[in-house]
């Protein structure tokens, strides 16, 4: 695998993780729950 293909694959994988994380966050917020980050801090506490 060339360096360009490896960089492209890495970028696409990181983008997929970011989009998936945003989707989970949005679905949780749409369900009427308070969104919680990875540390257990709710958005209302900020």
PDB file of N, CA and C in Angstrom:
ATOM      1  N   UNK A   1       0.854  -1.182   0.000  1.00  0.00           N
ATOM      2  CA  UNK A   1       0.000   0.000   0.000  1.00  0.00           C
ATOM      3  C   UNK A   1       0.895   1.239   0.000  1.00  0.00           C
ATOM      4  N   UNK A   2       0.559   2.151  -0.842  1.00  0.00           N
ATOM      5  CA  UNK A   2       1.358   3.375  -0.921  1.00  0.00           C
ATOM      6  C   UNK A   2       0.996   4.316   0.228  1.00  0.00           C
ATOM      7  N   UNK A   3       1.836   5.288   0.432  1.00  0.00           N
ATOM      8  CA  UNK A   3       1.607   6.244   1.512  1.00  0.00           C
ATOM      9  C   UNK A   3       0.348   7.071   1.270  1.00  0.00           C
ATOM     10  N   UNK A   4       0.063   7.362   0.014  1.00  0.00           N
ATOM     11  CA  UNK A   4      -1.128   8.163  -0.299  1.00  0.00           C
ATOM     12  C   UNK A   4      -2.393   7.376   0.025  1.00  0.00           C
ATOM     13  N   UNK A   5      -2.405   6.103  -0.348  1.00  0.00           N
ATOM     14  CA  UNK A   5      -3.579   5.274  -0.050  1.00  0.00           C
ATOM     15  C   UNK A   5      -3.743   5.082   1.455  1.00  0.00           C
ATOM     16  N   UNK A   6      -2.642   4.918   2.173  1.00  0.00           N
ATOM     17  CA  UNK A   6      -2.702   4.757   3.627  1.00  0.00           C
ATOM     18  C   UNK A   6      -3.235   6.029   4.279  1.00  0.00           C
ATOM     19  N   UNK A   7      -2.807   7.176   3.817  1.00  0.00           N
ATOM     20  CA  UNK A   7      -3.288   8.442   4.374  1.00  0.00           C
ATOM     21  C   UNK A   7      -4.769   8.634   4.078  1.00  0.00           C
ATOM     22  N   UNK A   8      -5.188   8.285   2.868  1.00  0.00           N
ATOM     23  CA  UNK A   8      -6.597   8.404   2.507  1.00  0.00           C
ATOM     24  C   UNK A   8      -7.458   7.474   3.345  1.00  0.00           C
ATOM     25  N   UNK A   9      -7.013   6.244   3.524  1.00  0.00           N
ATOM     26  CA  UNK A   9      -7.752   5.295   4.350  1.00  0.00           C
ATOM     27  C   UNK A   9      -7.852   5.780   5.795  1.00  0.00           C
ATOM     28  N   UNK A  10      -6.774   6.312   6.330  1.00  0.00           N
ATOM     29  CA  UNK A  10      -6.784   6.833   7.698  1.00  0.00           C
ATOM     30  C   UNK A  10      -7.753   7.999   7.826  1.00  0.00           C
ATOM     31  N   UNK A  11      -7.741   8.888   6.837  1.00  0.00           N
ATOM     32  CA  UNK A  11      -8.655  10.029   6.859  1.00  0.00           C
ATOM     33  C   UNK A  11     -10.104   9.568   6.797  1.00  0.00           C
ATOM     34  N   UNK A  12     -10.396   8.604   5.939  1.00  0.00           N
ATOM     35  CA  UNK A  12     -11.766   8.110   5.822  1.00  0.00           C
ATOM     36  C   UNK A  12     -12.222   7.400   7.091  1.00  0.00           C
ATOM     37  N   UNK A  13     -11.330   6.666   7.721  1.00  0.00           N
ATOM     38  CA  UNK A  13     -11.695   5.973   8.962  1.00  0.00           C
ATOM     39  C   UNK A  13     -11.969   6.971  10.085  1.00  0.00           C
ATOM     40  N   UNK A  14     -11.144   8.003  10.200  1.00  0.00           N
ATOM     41  CA  UNK A  14     -11.370   9.017  11.224  1.00  0.00           C
ATOM     42  C   UNK A  14     -12.649   9.810  10.951  1.00  0.00           C
ATOM     43  N   UNK A  15     -12.920  10.070   9.677  1.00  0.00           N
ATOM     44  CA  UNK A  15     -14.155  10.762   9.321  1.00  0.00           C
ATOM     45  C   UNK A  15     -15.374   9.922   9.673  1.00  0.00           C
ATOM     46  N   UNK A  16     -15.299   8.620   9.424  1.00  0.00           N
ATOM     47  CA  UNK A  16     -16.408   7.728   9.752  1.00  0.00           C
ATOM     48  C   UNK A  16     -16.644   7.688  11.257  1.00  0.00           C
ATOM     49  N   UNK A  17     -15.587   7.689  12.046  1.00  0.00           N
ATOM     50  CA  UNK A  17     -15.741   7.719  13.498  1.00  0.00           C
ATOM     51  C   UNK A  17     -16.397   9.015  13.963  1.00  0.00           C
ATOM     52  N   UNK A  18     -15.988  10.126  13.372  1.00  0.00           N
ATOM     53  CA  UNK A  18     -16.557  11.419  13.754  1.00  0.00           C
ATOM     54  C   UNK A  18     -18.037  11.497  13.386  1.00  0.00           C
ATOM     55  N   UNK A  19     -18.389  11.038  12.187  1.00  0.00           N
ATOM     56  CA  UNK A  19     -19.791  11.073  11.757  1.00  0.00           C
ATOM     57  C   UNK A  19     -20.633  10.140  12.617  1.00  0.00           C
ATOM     58  N   UNK A  20     -20.097   8.976  12.937  1.00  0.00           N
ATOM     59  CA  UNK A  20     -20.819   8.040  13.807  1.00  0.00           C
ATOM     60  C   UNK A  20     -21.031   8.613  15.201  1.00  0.00           C
ATOM     61  N   UNK A  21     -20.004   9.254  15.728  1.00  0.00           N
ATOM     62  CA  UNK A  21     -20.136   9.876  17.045  1.00  0.00           C
ATOM     63  C   UNK A  21     -21.166  10.985  17.045  1.00  0.00           C
ATOM     64  N   UNK A  22     -21.176  11.786  15.993  1.00  0.00           N
ATOM     65  CA  UNK A  22     -22.169  12.847  15.889  1.00  0.00           C
ATOM     66  C   UNK A  22     -23.570  12.267  15.760  1.00  0.00           C
ATOM     67  N   UNK A  23     -23.706  11.175  15.035  1.00  0.00           N
ATOM     68  CA  UNK A  23     -25.011  10.535  14.882  1.00  0.00           C
ATOM     69  C   UNK A  23     -25.544  10.008  16.202  1.00  0.00           C
ATOM     70  N   UNK A  24     -24.698   9.404  16.996  1.00  0.00           N
ATOM     71  CA  UNK A  24     -25.121   8.902  18.305  1.00  0.00           C
ATOM     72  C   UNK A  24     -25.501  10.067  19.206  1.00  0.00           C
ATOM     73  N   UNK A  25     -24.712  11.134  19.191  1.00  0.00           N
ATOM     74  CA  UNK A  25     -25.003  12.312  20.003  1.00  0.00           C
ATOM     75  C   UNK A  25     -26.337  12.936  19.599  1.00  0.00           C
ATOM     76  N   UNK A  26     -26.576  13.058  18.290  1.00  0.00           N
ATOM     77  CA  UNK A  26     -27.817  13.660  17.808  1.00  0.00           C
ATOM     78  C   UNK A  26     -29.020  12.777  18.121  1.00  0.00           C
ATOM     79  N   UNK A  27     -28.875  11.472  17.981  1.00  0.00           N
ATOM     80  CA  UNK A  27     -29.981  10.566  18.282  1.00  0.00           C
ATOM     81  C   UNK A  27     -30.325  10.605  19.767  1.00  0.00           C
ATOM     82  N   UNK A  28     -29.314  10.689  20.611  1.00  0.00           N
ATOM     83  CA  UNK A  28     -29.557  10.766  22.050  1.00  0.00           C
ATOM     84  C   UNK A  28     -30.232  12.078  22.406  1.00  0.00           C
ATOM     85  N   UNK A  29     -29.827  13.162  21.788  1.00  0.00           N
ATOM     86  CA  UNK A  29     -30.437  14.458  22.070  1.00  0.00           C
ATOM     87  C   UNK A  29     -31.874  14.512  21.548  1.00  0.00           C
ATOM     88  N   UNK A  30     -32.149  13.870  20.422  1.00  0.00           N
ATOM     89  CA  UNK A  30     -33.499  13.876  19.858  1.00  0.00           C
ATOM     90  C   UNK A  30     -34.453  13.018  20.674  1.00  0.00           C
ATOM     91  N   UNK A  31     -33.934  12.077  21.433  1.00  0.00           N
ATOM     92  CA  UNK A  31     -34.771  11.184  22.226  1.00  0.00           C
ATOM     93  C   UNK A  31     -35.221  11.840  23.532  1.00  0.00           C
ATOM     94  N   UNK A  32     -34.836  13.079  23.764  1.00  0.00           N
ATOM     95  CA  UNK A  32     -35.243  13.784  24.972  1.00  0.00           C
ATOM     96  C   UNK A  32     -34.324  13.546  26.154  1.00  0.00           C
ATOM     97  N   UNK A  33     -33.213  12.874  25.938  1.00  0.00           N
ATOM     98  CA  UNK A  33     -32.264  12.637  27.015  1.00  0.00           C
ATOM     99  C   UNK A  33     -31.258  13.770  27.027  1.00  0.00           C
ATOM    100  N   UNK A  34     -30.646  13.998  28.175  1.00  0.00           N
ATOM    101  CA  UNK A  34     -29.565  14.966  28.218  1.00  0.00           C
ATOM    102  C   UNK A  34     -28.317  14.311  27.649  1.00  0.00           C
ATOM    103  N   UNK A  35     -27.651  15.001  26.773  1.00  0.00           N
ATOM    104  CA  UNK A  35     -26.439  14.466  26.171  1.00  0.00           C
ATOM    105  C   UNK A  35     -25.323  14.447  27.200  1.00  0.00           C
ATOM    106  N   UNK A  36     -24.592  13.360  27.243  1.00  0.00           N
ATOM    107  CA  UNK A  36     -23.515  13.186  28.206  1.00  0.00           C
ATOM    108  C   UNK A  36     -22.238  12.918  27.440  1.00  0.00           C
ATOM    109  N   UNK A  37     -21.160  13.605  27.820  1.00  0.00           N
ATOM    110  CA  UNK A  37     -19.900  13.328  27.147  1.00  0.00           C
ATOM    111  C   UNK A  37     -19.234  12.113  27.803  1.00  0.00           C
ATOM    112  N   UNK A  38     -18.062  11.777  27.380  1.00  0.00           N
ATOM    113  CA  UNK A  38     -17.373  10.584  27.862  1.00  0.00           C
ATOM    114  C   UNK A  38     -16.996  10.623  29.323  1.00  0.00           C
ATOM    115  N   UNK A  39     -17.041  11.786  29.930  1.00  0.00           N
ATOM    116  CA  UNK A  39     -16.664  11.907  31.332  1.00  0.00           C
ATOM    117  C   UNK A  39     -17.876  11.921  32.257  1.00  0.00           C
ATOM    118  N   UNK A  40     -19.081  11.791  31.703  1.00  0.00           N
ATOM    119  CA  UNK A  40     -20.277  11.770  32.522  1.00  0.00           C
ATOM    120  C   UNK A  40     -20.787  13.138  32.889  1.00  0.00           C
ATOM    121  N   UNK A  41     -20.321  14.173  32.203  1.00  0.00           N
ATOM    122  CA  UNK A  41     -20.743  15.540  32.488  1.00  0.00           C
ATOM    123  C   UNK A  41     -21.863  15.898  31.514  1.00  0.00           C
ATOM    124  N   UNK A  42     -23.002  16.304  32.045  1.00  0.00           N
ATOM    125  CA  UNK A  42     -24.116  16.645  31.169  1.00  0.00           C
ATOM    126  C   UNK A  42     -23.940  18.046  30.601  1.00  0.00           C
ATOM    127  N   UNK A  43     -24.645  18.313  29.527  1.00  0.00           N
ATOM    128  CA  UNK A  43     -24.530  19.613  28.877  1.00  0.00           C
ATOM    129  C   UNK A  43     -25.097  20.728  29.752  1.00  0.00           C
ATOM    130  N   UNK A  44     -26.053  20.394  30.628  1.00  0.00           N
ATOM    131  CA  UNK A  44     -26.662  21.419  31.464  1.00  0.00           C
ATOM    132  C   UNK A  44     -25.731  21.873  32.593  1.00  0.00           C
ATOM    133  N   UNK A  45     -24.731  21.072  32.916  1.00  0.00           N
ATOM    134  CA  UNK A  45     -23.811  21.420  33.994  1.00  0.00           C
ATOM    135  C   UNK A  45     -22.762  22.432  33.548  1.00  0.00           C
ATOM    136  N   UNK A  46     -22.670  22.675  32.262  1.00  0.00           N
ATOM    137  CA  UNK A  46     -21.624  23.581  31.759  1.00  0.00           C
ATOM    138  C   UNK A  46     -22.082  24.995  31.774  1.00  0.00           C
TER     139      UNK A  46
END
